[in-house]
Amino acid sequence: MATALCAQPALPEAERKLAREIYKEMVETQSGYTTGATTPIAAPVAARFEPAGIPAADIFAAAAIPKQANVVVR
């Protein structure tokens, strides 16, 4: 049985630019596998949620181990 593939509509230009900007920031930040640290990227990731409409009280970025911060959004 063949399954038809549905073409997804292209994202508007502004959304594509924003996605690329976010991706570029994530790739260029020295964190994770290369450094063993997630903290350098945790704050920039957390900072993107509030402008997207998530209340600041629902965004948490911290670490039990200083080099290994996590972001939790509820």
C-alpha atoms as a PDB file:
ATOM      1  CA  MET A   1       0.000   0.000   0.000  1.00  0.00           C
ATOM      2  CA  ALA A   2       1.492   3.322  -1.051  1.00  0.00           C
ATOM      3  CA  THR A   3       1.301   6.309   1.258  1.00  0.00           C
ATOM      4  CA  ALA A   4       0.834   9.749  -0.244  1.00  0.00           C
ATOM      5  CA  LEU A   5       3.220  12.410   1.000  1.00  0.00           C
ATOM      6  CA  CYS A   6       1.608  15.711   1.832  1.00  0.00           C
ATOM      7  CA  ALA A   7       3.617  18.788   1.003  1.00  0.00           C
ATOM      8  CA  GLN A   8       3.889  21.150   3.906  1.00  0.00           C
ATOM      9  CA  PRO A   9       3.485  24.835   3.138  1.00  0.00           C
ATOM     10  CA  ALA A  10       6.689  26.854   3.249  1.00  0.00           C
ATOM     11  CA  LEU A  11       7.245  29.012   6.292  1.00  0.00           C
ATOM     12  CA  PRO A  12       6.904  32.762   5.841  1.00  0.00           C
ATOM     13  CA  GLU A  13      10.243  34.512   5.281  1.00  0.00           C
ATOM     14  CA  ALA A  14      10.259  36.126   8.753  1.00  0.00           C
ATOM     15  CA  GLU A  15       9.846  32.740  10.446  1.00  0.00           C
ATOM     16  CA  ARG A  16      12.577  31.169   8.320  1.00  0.00           C
ATOM     17  CA  LYS A  17      14.952  34.008   9.225  1.00  0.00           C
ATOM     18  CA  LEU A  18      14.162  33.642  12.929  1.00  0.00           C
ATOM     19  CA  ALA A  19      14.656  29.870  12.793  1.00  0.00           C
ATOM     20  CA  ARG A  20      18.011  30.345  11.074  1.00  0.00           C
ATOM     21  CA  GLU A  21      19.071  32.963  13.628  1.00  0.00           C
ATOM     22  CA  ILE A  22      18.211  30.630  16.508  1.00  0.00           C
ATOM     23  CA  TYR A  23      19.937  27.663  14.873  1.00  0.00           C
ATOM     24  CA  LYS A  24      23.035  29.760  14.150  1.00  0.00           C
ATOM     25  CA  GLU A  25      23.219  30.911  17.769  1.00  0.00           C
ATOM     26  CA  MET A  26      22.909  27.340  19.048  1.00  0.00           C
ATOM     27  CA  VAL A  27      25.594  26.004  16.689  1.00  0.00           C
ATOM     28  CA  GLU A  28      28.064  28.820  17.316  1.00  0.00           C
ATOM     29  CA  THR A  29      27.839  28.723  21.120  1.00  0.00           C
ATOM     30  CA  GLN A  30      30.657  26.682  22.630  1.00  0.00           C
ATOM     31  CA  SER A  31      28.760  24.210  24.762  1.00  0.00           C
ATOM     32  CA  GLY A  32      27.782  20.590  25.145  1.00  0.00           C
ATOM     33  CA  TYR A  33      29.933  17.887  23.647  1.00  0.00           C
ATOM     34  CA  THR A  34      32.886  20.114  22.756  1.00  0.00           C
ATOM     35  CA  THR A  35      33.276  21.736  26.189  1.00  0.00           C
ATOM     36  CA  GLY A  36      31.336  19.541  28.606  1.00  0.00           C
ATOM     37  CA  ALA A  37      29.331  22.631  29.587  1.00  0.00           C
ATOM     38  CA  THR A  38      25.683  23.392  28.868  1.00  0.00           C
ATOM     39  CA  THR A  39      25.609  26.633  30.867  1.00  0.00           C
ATOM     40  CA  PRO A  40      26.816  28.862  27.977  1.00  0.00           C
ATOM     41  CA  ILE A  41      23.716  28.012  25.940  1.00  0.00           C
ATOM     42  CA  ALA A  42      21.159  27.711  28.752  1.00  0.00           C
ATOM     43  CA  ALA A  43      20.715  31.465  29.292  1.00  0.00           C
ATOM     44  CA  PRO A  44      20.273  32.316  25.584  1.00  0.00           C
ATOM     45  CA  VAL A  45      17.769  29.472  25.196  1.00  0.00           C
ATOM     46  CA  ALA A  46      15.820  30.577  28.266  1.00  0.00           C
ATOM     47  CA  ALA A  47      15.811  34.189  27.066  1.00  0.00           C
ATOM     48  CA  ARG A  48      13.937  33.226  23.887  1.00  0.00           C
ATOM     49  CA  PHE A  49      10.845  31.926  25.702  1.00  0.00           C
ATOM     50  CA  GLU A  50       9.551  35.130  27.324  1.00  0.00           C
ATOM     51  CA  PRO A  51       9.371  37.121  24.050  1.00  0.00           C
ATOM     52  CA  ALA A  52       7.509  34.112  22.629  1.00  0.00           C
ATOM     53  CA  GLY A  53       4.774  34.597  25.231  1.00  0.00           C
ATOM     54  CA  ILE A  54       5.851  32.285  28.057  1.00  0.00           C
ATOM     55  CA  PRO A  55       5.582  34.010  31.463  1.00  0.00           C
ATOM     56  CA  ALA A  56       8.962  34.608  33.130  1.00  0.00           C
ATOM     57  CA  ALA A  57       7.733  32.726  36.204  1.00  0.00           C
ATOM     58  CA  ASP A  58       7.422  29.593  34.048  1.00  0.00           C
ATOM     59  CA  ILE A  59      11.026  29.713  32.778  1.00  0.00           C
ATOM     60  CA  PHE A  60      13.822  28.291  34.916  1.00  0.00           C
ATOM     61  CA  ALA A  61      17.498  28.048  33.999  1.00  0.00           C
ATOM     62  CA  ALA A  62      19.905  26.848  36.676  1.00  0.00           C
ATOM     63  CA  ALA A  63      22.430  24.187  37.554  1.00  0.00           C
ATOM     64  CA  ALA A  64      23.345  21.984  40.481  1.00  0.00           C
ATOM     65  CA  ILE A  65      26.751  21.750  38.790  1.00  0.00           C
ATOM     66  CA  PRO A  66      27.842  25.212  37.583  1.00  0.00           C
ATOM     67  CA  LYS A  67      28.973  24.049  34.117  1.00  0.00           C
ATOM     68  CA  GLN A  68      25.840  22.014  33.456  1.00  0.00           C
ATOM     69  CA  ALA A  69      22.794  24.298  33.524  1.00  0.00           C
ATOM     70  CA  ASN A  70      19.413  23.124  32.316  1.00  0.00           C
ATOM     71  CA  VAL A  71      16.371  24.997  31.061  1.00  0.00           C
ATOM     72  CA  VAL A  72      12.911  24.025  32.271  1.00  0.00           C
ATOM     73  CA  VAL A  73       9.792  25.672  30.856  1.00  0.00           C
ATOM     74  CA  ARG A  74       6.327  24.803  32.062  1.00  0.00           C
END
